[in-house]
Amino acid sequence: MPNFEVRLSTRAGETKTAQIFNQIAGAIETGRLASGEALTSERALAARLGVSRNIVRNAYRRLEERGLVETVSTAGRRVASKRRRRTRS
């Protein structure tokens, strides 16, 4: 995610997982993260944010469930193409 940085706030009124999910989902939906662009690894993002890897993993899983990102073999996760995305519920 070279052109996008997740930031956590203690005053956000939502969980850390929700903050990560919402920021990445918003960046994908507005085009700041393009189709095919690689996401930062769970471990690297967790270390940068100072949170557990499980928090990042849960956010990434929600993004996958919504069809916003996809796992590409051992290469990690990438932003899904627009035709594969599902609408938010």
PDB file of N, CA and C in Angstrom:
ATOM      1  N   MET A   1       0.847  -1.177   0.000  1.00  0.00           N
ATOM      2  CA  MET A   1       0.000   0.000   0.000  1.00  0.00           C
ATOM      3  C   MET A   1       0.890   1.237   0.000  1.00  0.00           C
ATOM      4  N   PRO A   2       1.632   1.453  -1.061  1.00  0.00           N
ATOM      5  CA  PRO A   2       2.596   2.545  -1.077  1.00  0.00           C
ATOM      6  C   PRO A   2       1.984   3.944  -1.034  1.00  0.00           C
ATOM      7  N   ASN A   3       0.811   4.157  -1.579  1.00  0.00           N
ATOM      8  CA  ASN A   3       0.209   5.489  -1.628  1.00  0.00           C
ATOM      9  C   ASN A   3      -0.876   5.692  -0.579  1.00  0.00           C
ATOM     10  N   PHE A   4      -0.923   4.800   0.402  1.00  0.00           N
ATOM     11  CA  PHE A   4      -1.993   4.853   1.378  1.00  0.00           C
ATOM     12  C   PHE A   4      -1.473   4.368   2.721  1.00  0.00           C
ATOM     13  N   GLU A   5      -1.821   5.071   3.780  1.00  0.00           N
ATOM     14  CA  GLU A   5      -1.370   4.680   5.110  1.00  0.00           C
ATOM     15  C   GLU A   5      -2.547   4.609   6.068  1.00  0.00           C
ATOM     16  N   VAL A   6      -2.676   3.508   6.767  1.00  0.00           N
ATOM     17  CA  VAL A   6      -3.718   3.335   7.775  1.00  0.00           C
ATOM     18  C   VAL A   6      -3.267   4.043   9.050  1.00  0.00           C
ATOM     19  N   ARG A   7      -4.201   4.761   9.675  1.00  0.00           N
ATOM     20  CA  ARG A   7      -3.917   5.433  10.944  1.00  0.00           C
ATOM     21  C   ARG A   7      -5.004   5.059  11.940  1.00  0.00           C
ATOM     22  N   LEU A   8      -4.573   4.711  13.140  1.00  0.00           N
ATOM     23  CA  LEU A   8      -5.524   4.349  14.188  1.00  0.00           C
ATOM     24  C   LEU A   8      -5.702   5.506  15.158  1.00  0.00           C
ATOM     25  N   SER A   9      -6.922   5.631  15.662  1.00  0.00           N
ATOM     26  CA  SER A   9      -7.255   6.671  16.623  1.00  0.00           C
ATOM     27  C   SER A   9      -7.900   6.044  17.845  1.00  0.00           C
ATOM     28  N   THR A  10      -7.507   6.495  19.015  1.00  0.00           N
ATOM     29  CA  THR A  10      -8.138   6.006  20.244  1.00  0.00           C
ATOM     30  C   THR A  10      -9.492   6.670  20.441  1.00  0.00           C
ATOM     31  N   ARG A  11      -9.747   7.743  19.734  1.00  0.00           N
ATOM     32  CA  ARG A  11     -11.011   8.476  19.863  1.00  0.00           C
ATOM     33  C   ARG A  11     -12.001   8.172  18.741  1.00  0.00           C
ATOM     34  N   ALA A  12     -11.745   7.177  17.965  1.00  0.00           N
ATOM     35  CA  ALA A  12     -12.564   6.900  16.777  1.00  0.00           C
ATOM     36  C   ALA A  12     -13.940   6.331  17.098  1.00  0.00           C
ATOM     37  N   GLY A  13     -14.124   5.754  18.285  1.00  0.00           N
ATOM     38  CA  GLY A  13     -15.420   5.176  18.624  1.00  0.00           C
ATOM     39  C   GLY A  13     -15.709   3.872  17.918  1.00  0.00           C
ATOM     40  N   GLU A  14     -14.678   3.243  17.351  1.00  0.00           N
ATOM     41  CA  GLU A  14     -14.836   1.947  16.706  1.00  0.00           C
ATOM     42  C   GLU A  14     -13.589   1.114  16.986  1.00  0.00           C
ATOM     43  N   THR A  15     -13.708  -0.176  16.851  1.00  0.00           N
ATOM     44  CA  THR A  15     -12.583  -1.061  17.148  1.00  0.00           C
ATOM     45  C   THR A  15     -11.433  -0.814  16.179  1.00  0.00           C
ATOM     46  N   LYS A  16     -10.264  -1.281  16.564  1.00  0.00           N
ATOM     47  CA  LYS A  16      -9.098  -1.167  15.684  1.00  0.00           C
ATOM     48  C   LYS A  16      -9.325  -1.945  14.397  1.00  0.00           C
ATOM     49  N   THR A  17      -9.935  -3.124  14.525  1.00  0.00           N
ATOM     50  CA  THR A  17     -10.246  -3.912  13.326  1.00  0.00           C
ATOM     51  C   THR A  17     -11.154  -3.130  12.393  1.00  0.00           C
ATOM     52  N   ALA A  18     -12.186  -2.499  12.934  1.00  0.00           N
ATOM     53  CA  ALA A  18     -13.117  -1.717  12.117  1.00  0.00           C
ATOM     54  C   ALA A  18     -12.420  -0.518  11.481  1.00  0.00           C
ATOM     55  N   GLN A  19     -11.538   0.130  12.215  1.00  0.00           N
ATOM     56  CA  GLN A  19     -10.813   1.269  11.659  1.00  0.00           C
ATOM     57  C   GLN A  19      -9.962   0.850  10.464  1.00  0.00           C
ATOM     58  N   ILE A  20      -9.240  -0.261  10.616  1.00  0.00           N
ATOM     59  CA  ILE A  20      -8.402  -0.751   9.516  1.00  0.00           C
ATOM     60  C   ILE A  20      -9.273  -1.130   8.325  1.00  0.00           C
ATOM     61  N   PHE A  21     -10.334  -1.897   8.581  1.00  0.00           N
ATOM     62  CA  PHE A  21     -11.250  -2.298   7.510  1.00  0.00           C
ATOM     63  C   PHE A  21     -11.824  -1.074   6.795  1.00  0.00           C
ATOM     64  N   ASN A  22     -12.378  -0.141   7.547  1.00  0.00           N
ATOM     65  CA  ASN A  22     -13.040   1.023   6.940  1.00  0.00           C
ATOM     66  C   ASN A  22     -12.085   1.884   6.130  1.00  0.00           C
ATOM     67  N   GLN A  23     -10.872   2.072   6.633  1.00  0.00           N
ATOM     68  CA  GLN A  23      -9.917   2.903   5.897  1.00  0.00           C
ATOM     69  C   GLN A  23      -9.467   2.245   4.596  1.00  0.00           C
ATOM     70  N   ILE A  24      -9.187   0.947   4.650  1.00  0.00           N
ATOM     71  CA  ILE A  24      -8.759   0.260   3.427  1.00  0.00           C
ATOM     72  C   ILE A  24      -9.928   0.138   2.446  1.00  0.00           C
ATOM     73  N   ALA A  25     -11.112  -0.215   2.949  1.00  0.00           N
ATOM     74  CA  ALA A  25     -12.291  -0.311   2.072  1.00  0.00           C
ATOM     75  C   ALA A  25     -12.568   1.031   1.410  1.00  0.00           C
ATOM     76  N   GLY A  26     -12.488   2.107   2.170  1.00  0.00           N
ATOM     77  CA  GLY A  26     -12.710   3.437   1.604  1.00  0.00           C
ATOM     78  C   GLY A  26     -11.686   3.784   0.545  1.00  0.00           C
ATOM     79  N   ALA A  27     -10.428   3.419   0.775  1.00  0.00           N
ATOM     80  CA  ALA A  27      -9.375   3.694  -0.215  1.00  0.00           C
ATOM     81  C   ALA A  27      -9.597   2.902  -1.495  1.00  0.00           C
ATOM     82  N   ILE A  28     -10.091   1.683  -1.364  1.00  0.00           N
ATOM     83  CA  ILE A  28     -10.378   0.869  -2.551  1.00  0.00           C
ATOM     84  C   ILE A  28     -11.559   1.466  -3.313  1.00  0.00           C
ATOM     85  N   GLU A  29     -12.611   1.809  -2.586  1.00  0.00           N
ATOM     86  CA  GLU A  29     -13.828   2.317  -3.239  1.00  0.00           C
ATOM     87  C   GLU A  29     -13.620   3.679  -3.899  1.00  0.00           C
ATOM     88  N   THR A  30     -12.694   4.480  -3.377  1.00  0.00           N
ATOM     89  CA  THR A  30     -12.429   5.791  -3.991  1.00  0.00           C
ATOM     90  C   THR A  30     -11.317   5.753  -5.024  1.00  0.00           C
ATOM     91  N   GLY A  31     -10.687   4.576  -5.194  1.00  0.00           N
ATOM     92  CA  GLY A  31      -9.644   4.439  -6.203  1.00  0.00           C
ATOM     93  C   GLY A  31      -8.240   4.784  -5.731  1.00  0.00           C
ATOM     94  N   ARG A  32      -8.070   5.123  -4.452  1.00  0.00           N
ATOM     95  CA  ARG A  32      -6.710   5.395  -3.955  1.00  0.00           C
ATOM     96  C   ARG A  32      -5.880   4.117  -3.936  1.00  0.00           C
ATOM     97  N   LEU A  33      -6.544   2.976  -3.792  1.00  0.00           N
ATOM     98  CA  LEU A  33      -5.896   1.676  -3.961  1.00  0.00           C
ATOM     99  C   LEU A  33      -6.509   1.037  -5.204  1.00  0.00           C
ATOM    100  N   ALA A  34      -5.689   0.765  -6.181  1.00  0.00           N
ATOM    101  CA  ALA A  34      -6.169   0.285  -7.472  1.00  0.00           C
ATOM    102  C   ALA A  34      -6.246  -1.235  -7.533  1.00  0.00           C
ATOM    103  N   SER A  35      -7.057  -1.730  -8.443  1.00  0.00           N
ATOM    104  CA  SER A  35      -7.168  -3.177  -8.677  1.00  0.00           C
ATOM    105  C   SER A  35      -5.782  -3.758  -8.916  1.00  0.00           C
ATOM    106  N   GLY A  36      -5.507  -4.882  -8.256  1.00  0.00           N
ATOM    107  CA  GLY A  36      -4.225  -5.550  -8.425  1.00  0.00           C
ATOM    108  C   GLY A  36      -3.128  -5.058  -7.502  1.00  0.00           C
ATOM    109  N   GLU A  37      -3.358  -3.946  -6.818  1.00  0.00           N
ATOM    110  CA  GLU A  37      -2.331  -3.402  -5.929  1.00  0.00           C
ATOM    111  C   GLU A  37      -2.187  -4.290  -4.693  1.00  0.00           C
ATOM    112  N   ALA A  38      -0.954  -4.556  -4.306  1.00  0.00           N
ATOM    113  CA  ALA A  38      -0.680  -5.421  -3.164  1.00  0.00           C
ATOM    114  C   ALA A  38      -0.945  -4.694  -1.853  1.00  0.00           C
ATOM    115  N   LEU A  39      -1.516  -5.429  -0.892  1.00  0.00           N
ATOM    116  CA  LEU A  39      -1.681  -4.900   0.453  1.00  0.00           C
ATOM    117  C   LEU A  39      -0.440  -5.231   1.268  1.00  0.00           C
ATOM    118  N   THR A  40      -0.171  -4.427   2.253  1.00  0.00           N
ATOM    119  CA  THR A  40       0.918  -4.695   3.186  1.00  0.00           C
ATOM    120  C   THR A  40       0.624  -6.011   3.907  1.00  0.00           C
ATOM    121  N   SER A  41       1.643  -6.787   4.174  1.00  0.00           N
ATOM    122  CA  SER A  41       1.430  -8.065   4.856  1.00  0.00           C
ATOM    123  C   SER A  41       0.839  -7.835   6.239  1.00  0.00           C
ATOM    124  N   GLU A  42       0.144  -8.850   6.741  1.00  0.00           N
ATOM    125  CA  GLU A  42      -0.450  -8.762   8.083  1.00  0.00           C
ATOM    126  C   GLU A  42       0.606  -8.400   9.120  1.00  0.00           C
ATOM    127  N   ARG A  43       1.711  -9.100   9.072  1.00  0.00           N
ATOM    128  CA  ARG A  43       2.769  -8.911  10.064  1.00  0.00           C
ATOM    129  C   ARG A  43       3.351  -7.495   9.989  1.00  0.00           C
ATOM    130  N   ALA A  44       3.616  -7.012   8.796  1.00  0.00           N
ATOM    131  CA  ALA A  44       4.211  -5.683   8.643  1.00  0.00           C
ATOM    132  C   ALA A  44       3.244  -4.581   9.078  1.00  0.00           C
ATOM    133  N   LEU A  45       1.968  -4.707   8.701  1.00  0.00           N
ATOM    134  CA  LEU A  45       0.994  -3.683   9.089  1.00  0.00           C
ATOM    135  C   LEU A  45       0.767  -3.700  10.596  1.00  0.00           C
ATOM    136  N   ALA A  46       0.694  -4.892  11.183  1.00  0.00           N
ATOM    137  CA  ALA A  46       0.518  -4.994  12.631  1.00  0.00           C
ATOM    138  C   ALA A  46       1.693  -4.343  13.362  1.00  0.00           C
ATOM    139  N   ALA A  47       2.896  -4.593  12.901  1.00  0.00           N
ATOM    140  CA  ALA A  47       4.079  -4.002  13.534  1.00  0.00           C
ATOM    141  C   ALA A  47       4.065  -2.487  13.397  1.00  0.00           C
ATOM    142  N   ARG A  48       3.709  -1.987  12.219  1.00  0.00           N
ATOM    143  CA  ARG A  48       3.682  -0.537  11.988  1.00  0.00           C
ATOM    144  C   ARG A  48       2.627   0.147  12.853  1.00  0.00           C
ATOM    145  N   LEU A  49       1.487  -0.515  13.048  1.00  0.00           N
ATOM    146  CA  LEU A  49       0.402   0.076  13.836  1.00  0.00           C
ATOM    147  C   LEU A  49       0.520  -0.205  15.330  1.00  0.00           C
ATOM    148  N   GLY A  50       1.391  -1.141  15.697  1.00  0.00           N
ATOM    149  CA  GLY A  50       1.544  -1.506  17.106  1.00  0.00           C
ATOM    150  C   GLY A  50       0.361  -2.281  17.659  1.00  0.00           C
ATOM    151  N   VAL A  51      -0.212  -3.148  16.813  1.00  0.00           N
ATOM    152  CA  VAL A  51      -1.351  -3.978  17.218  1.00  0.00           C
ATOM    153  C   VAL A  51      -1.010  -5.434  16.957  1.00  0.00           C
ATOM    154  N   SER A  52      -1.857  -6.331  17.454  1.00  0.00           N
ATOM    155  CA  SER A  52      -1.613  -7.754  17.213  1.00  0.00           C
ATOM    156  C   SER A  52      -1.920  -8.101  15.754  1.00  0.00           C
ATOM    157  N   ARG A  53      -1.270  -9.136  15.301  1.00  0.00           N
ATOM    158  CA  ARG A  53      -1.497  -9.602  13.928  1.00  0.00           C
ATOM    159  C   ARG A  53      -2.947 -10.044  13.730  1.00  0.00           C
ATOM    160  N   ASN A  54      -3.589 -10.563  14.781  1.00  0.00           N
ATOM    161  CA  ASN A  54      -4.979 -10.997  14.675  1.00  0.00           C
ATOM    162  C   ASN A  54      -5.918  -9.846  14.341  1.00  0.00           C
ATOM    163  N   ILE A  55      -5.647  -8.668  14.838  1.00  0.00           N
ATOM    164  CA  ILE A  55      -6.478  -7.502  14.522  1.00  0.00           C
ATOM    165  C   ILE A  55      -6.420  -7.220  13.026  1.00  0.00           C
ATOM    166  N   VAL A  56      -5.223  -7.216  12.469  1.00  0.00           N
ATOM    167  CA  VAL A  56      -5.062  -6.970  11.031  1.00  0.00           C
ATOM    168  C   VAL A  56      -5.669  -8.120  10.236  1.00  0.00           C
ATOM    169  N   ARG A  57      -5.436  -9.349  10.677  1.00  0.00           N
ATOM    170  CA  ARG A  57      -5.978 -10.520   9.983  1.00  0.00           C
ATOM    171  C   ARG A  57      -7.505 -10.444   9.904  1.00  0.00           C
ATOM    172  N   ASN A  58      -8.144 -10.067  10.996  1.00  0.00           N
ATOM    173  CA  ASN A  58      -9.605  -9.965  10.998  1.00  0.00           C
ATOM    174  C   ASN A  58     -10.098  -8.880  10.042  1.00  0.00           C
ATOM    175  N   ALA A  59      -9.405  -7.767   9.989  1.00  0.00           N
ATOM    176  CA  ALA A  59      -9.785  -6.703   9.047  1.00  0.00           C
ATOM    177  C   ALA A  59      -9.618  -7.185   7.609  1.00  0.00           C
ATOM    178  N   TYR A  60      -8.512  -7.852   7.323  1.00  0.00           N
ATOM    179  CA  TYR A  60      -8.272  -8.357   5.975  1.00  0.00           C
ATOM    180  C   TYR A  60      -9.306  -9.417   5.586  1.00  0.00           C
ATOM    181  N   ARG A  61      -9.679 -10.261   6.546  1.00  0.00           N
ATOM    182  CA  ARG A  61     -10.707 -11.273   6.250  1.00  0.00           C
ATOM    183  C   ARG A  61     -12.045 -10.619   5.903  1.00  0.00           C
ATOM    184  N   ARG A  62     -12.392  -9.563   6.625  1.00  0.00           N
ATOM    185  CA  ARG A  62     -13.633  -8.840   6.295  1.00  0.00           C
ATOM    186  C   ARG A  62     -13.556  -8.253   4.891  1.00  0.00           C
ATOM    187  N   LEU A  63     -12.396  -7.732   4.528  1.00  0.00           N
ATOM    188  CA  LEU A  63     -12.219  -7.186   3.175  1.00  0.00           C
ATOM    189  C   LEU A  63     -12.381  -8.289   2.134  1.00  0.00           C
ATOM    190  N   GLU A  64     -11.855  -9.472   2.421  1.00  0.00           N
ATOM    191  CA  GLU A  64     -12.011 -10.610   1.508  1.00  0.00           C
ATOM    192  C   GLU A  64     -13.470 -11.036   1.409  1.00  0.00           C
ATOM    193  N   GLU A  65     -14.161 -11.089   2.554  1.00  0.00           N
ATOM    194  CA  GLU A  65     -15.581 -11.468   2.554  1.00  0.00           C
ATOM    195  C   GLU A  65     -16.415 -10.526   1.706  1.00  0.00           C
ATOM    196  N   ARG A  66     -16.052  -9.272   1.677  1.00  0.00           N
ATOM    197  CA  ARG A  66     -16.775  -8.280   0.871  1.00  0.00           C
ATOM    198  C   ARG A  66     -16.326  -8.278  -0.583  1.00  0.00           C
ATOM    199  N   GLY A  67     -15.320  -9.073  -0.880  1.00  0.00           N
ATOM    200  CA  GLY A  67     -14.839  -9.148  -2.265  1.00  0.00           C
ATOM    201  C   GLY A  67     -13.961  -7.986  -2.657  1.00  0.00           C
ATOM    202  N   LEU A  68     -13.480  -7.228  -1.685  1.00  0.00           N
ATOM    203  CA  LEU A  68     -12.631  -6.066  -1.987  1.00  0.00           C
ATOM    204  C   LEU A  68     -11.180  -6.453  -2.214  1.00  0.00           C
ATOM    205  N   VAL A  69     -10.733  -7.514  -1.548  1.00  0.00           N
ATOM    206  CA  VAL A  69      -9.378  -8.013  -1.752  1.00  0.00           C
ATOM    207  C   VAL A  69      -9.437  -9.518  -1.963  1.00  0.00           C
ATOM    208  N   GLU A  70      -8.362 -10.045  -2.514  1.00  0.00           N
ATOM    209  CA  GLU A  70      -8.279 -11.475  -2.742  1.00  0.00           C
ATOM    210  C   GLU A  70      -6.881 -11.955  -2.402  1.00  0.00           C
ATOM    211  N   THR A  71      -6.799 -13.197  -1.942  1.00  0.00           N
ATOM    212  CA  THR A  71      -5.509 -13.795  -1.649  1.00  0.00           C
ATOM    213  C   THR A  71      -4.960 -14.385  -2.932  1.00  0.00           C
ATOM    214  N   VAL A  72      -3.697 -14.084  -3.208  1.00  0.00           N
ATOM    215  CA  VAL A  72      -3.064 -14.564  -4.423  1.00  0.00           C
ATOM    216  C   VAL A  72      -1.942 -15.522  -4.029  1.00  0.00           C
ATOM    217  N   SER A  73      -2.284 -16.798  -3.950  1.00  0.00           N
ATOM    218  CA  SER A  73      -1.333 -17.850  -3.619  1.00  0.00           C
ATOM    219  C   SER A  73      -0.476 -17.431  -2.433  1.00  0.00           C
ATOM    220  N   THR A  74       0.823 -17.554  -2.562  1.00  0.00           N
ATOM    221  CA  THR A  74       1.720 -17.155  -1.483  1.00  0.00           C
ATOM    222  C   THR A  74       2.186 -15.710  -1.629  1.00  0.00           C
ATOM    223  N   ALA A  75       1.677 -15.007  -2.625  1.00  0.00           N
ATOM    224  CA  ALA A  75       2.095 -13.628  -2.867  1.00  0.00           C
ATOM    225  C   ALA A  75       1.388 -12.631  -1.957  1.00  0.00           C
ATOM    226  N   GLY A  76       0.419 -13.084  -1.175  1.00  0.00           N
ATOM    227  CA  GLY A  76      -0.282 -12.178  -0.268  1.00  0.00           C
ATOM    228  C   GLY A  76      -1.630 -11.763  -0.806  1.00  0.00           C
ATOM    229  N   ARG A  77      -2.077 -10.607  -0.338  1.00  0.00           N
ATOM    230  CA  ARG A  77      -3.398 -10.106  -0.744  1.00  0.00           C
ATOM    231  C   ARG A  77      -3.268  -8.918  -1.677  1.00  0.00           C
ATOM    232  N   ARG A  78      -4.204  -8.863  -2.611  1.00  0.00           N
ATOM    233  CA  ARG A  78      -4.253  -7.764  -3.578  1.00  0.00           C
ATOM    234  C   ARG A  78      -5.672  -7.237  -3.661  1.00  0.00           C
ATOM    235  N   VAL A  79      -5.789  -5.992  -4.097  1.00  0.00           N
ATOM    236  CA  VAL A  79      -7.104  -5.400  -4.319  1.00  0.00           C
ATOM    237  C   VAL A  79      -7.768  -6.153  -5.458  1.00  0.00           C
ATOM    238  N   ALA A  80      -9.002  -6.565  -5.247  1.00  0.00           N
ATOM    239  CA  ALA A  80      -9.738  -7.324  -6.262  1.00  0.00           C
ATOM    240  C   ALA A  80     -10.161  -6.416  -7.412  1.00  0.00           C
ATOM    241  N   SER A  81     -10.377  -7.012  -8.558  1.00  0.00           N
ATOM    242  CA  SER A  81     -10.885  -6.244  -9.692  1.00  0.00           C
ATOM    243  C   SER A  81     -12.324  -5.829  -9.396  1.00  0.00           C
ATOM    244  N   LYS A  82     -12.778  -4.767 -10.001  1.00  0.00           N
ATOM    245  CA  LYS A  82     -14.128  -4.238  -9.731  1.00  0.00           C
ATOM    246  C   LYS A  82     -15.213  -5.262 -10.008  1.00  0.00           C
ATOM    247  N   ARG A  83     -15.035  -6.098 -10.992  1.00  0.00           N
ATOM    248  CA  ARG A  83     -16.088  -7.059 -11.338  1.00  0.00           C
ATOM    249  C   ARG A  83     -16.249  -8.141 -10.275  1.00  0.00           C
ATOM    250  N   ARG A  84     -15.248  -8.343  -9.417  1.00  0.00           N
ATOM    251  CA  ARG A  84     -15.318  -9.372  -8.385  1.00  0.00           C
ATOM    252  C   ARG A  84     -15.852  -8.845  -7.062  1.00  0.00           C
ATOM    253  N   ARG A  85     -16.008  -7.537  -6.931  1.00  0.00           N
ATOM    254  CA  ARG A  85     -16.411  -6.942  -5.648  1.00  0.00           C
ATOM    255  C   ARG A  85     -17.890  -7.097  -5.399  1.00  0.00           C
ATOM    256  N   ARG A  86     -18.201  -7.267  -4.122  1.00  0.00           N
ATOM    257  CA  ARG A  86     -19.593  -7.315  -3.679  1.00  0.00           C
ATOM    258  C   ARG A  86     -19.941  -5.988  -3.016  1.00  0.00           C
ATOM    259  N   THR A  87     -21.196  -5.681  -2.987  1.00  0.00           N
ATOM    260  CA  THR A  87     -21.613  -4.444  -2.341  1.00  0.00           C
ATOM    261  C   THR A  87     -21.583  -4.603  -0.835  1.00  0.00           C
ATOM    262  N   ARG A  88     -21.407  -3.482  -0.134  1.00  0.00           N
ATOM    263  CA  ARG A  88     -21.415  -3.503   1.326  1.00  0.00           C
ATOM    264  C   ARG A  88     -22.803  -3.818   1.841  1.00  0.00           C
ATOM    265  N   SER A  89     -22.842  -4.547   2.967  1.00  0.00           N
ATOM    266  CA  SER A  89     -24.138  -4.842   3.579  1.00  0.00           C
ATOM    267  C   SER A  89     -24.200  -4.211   4.945  1.00  0.00           C
TER     268      SER A  89
END
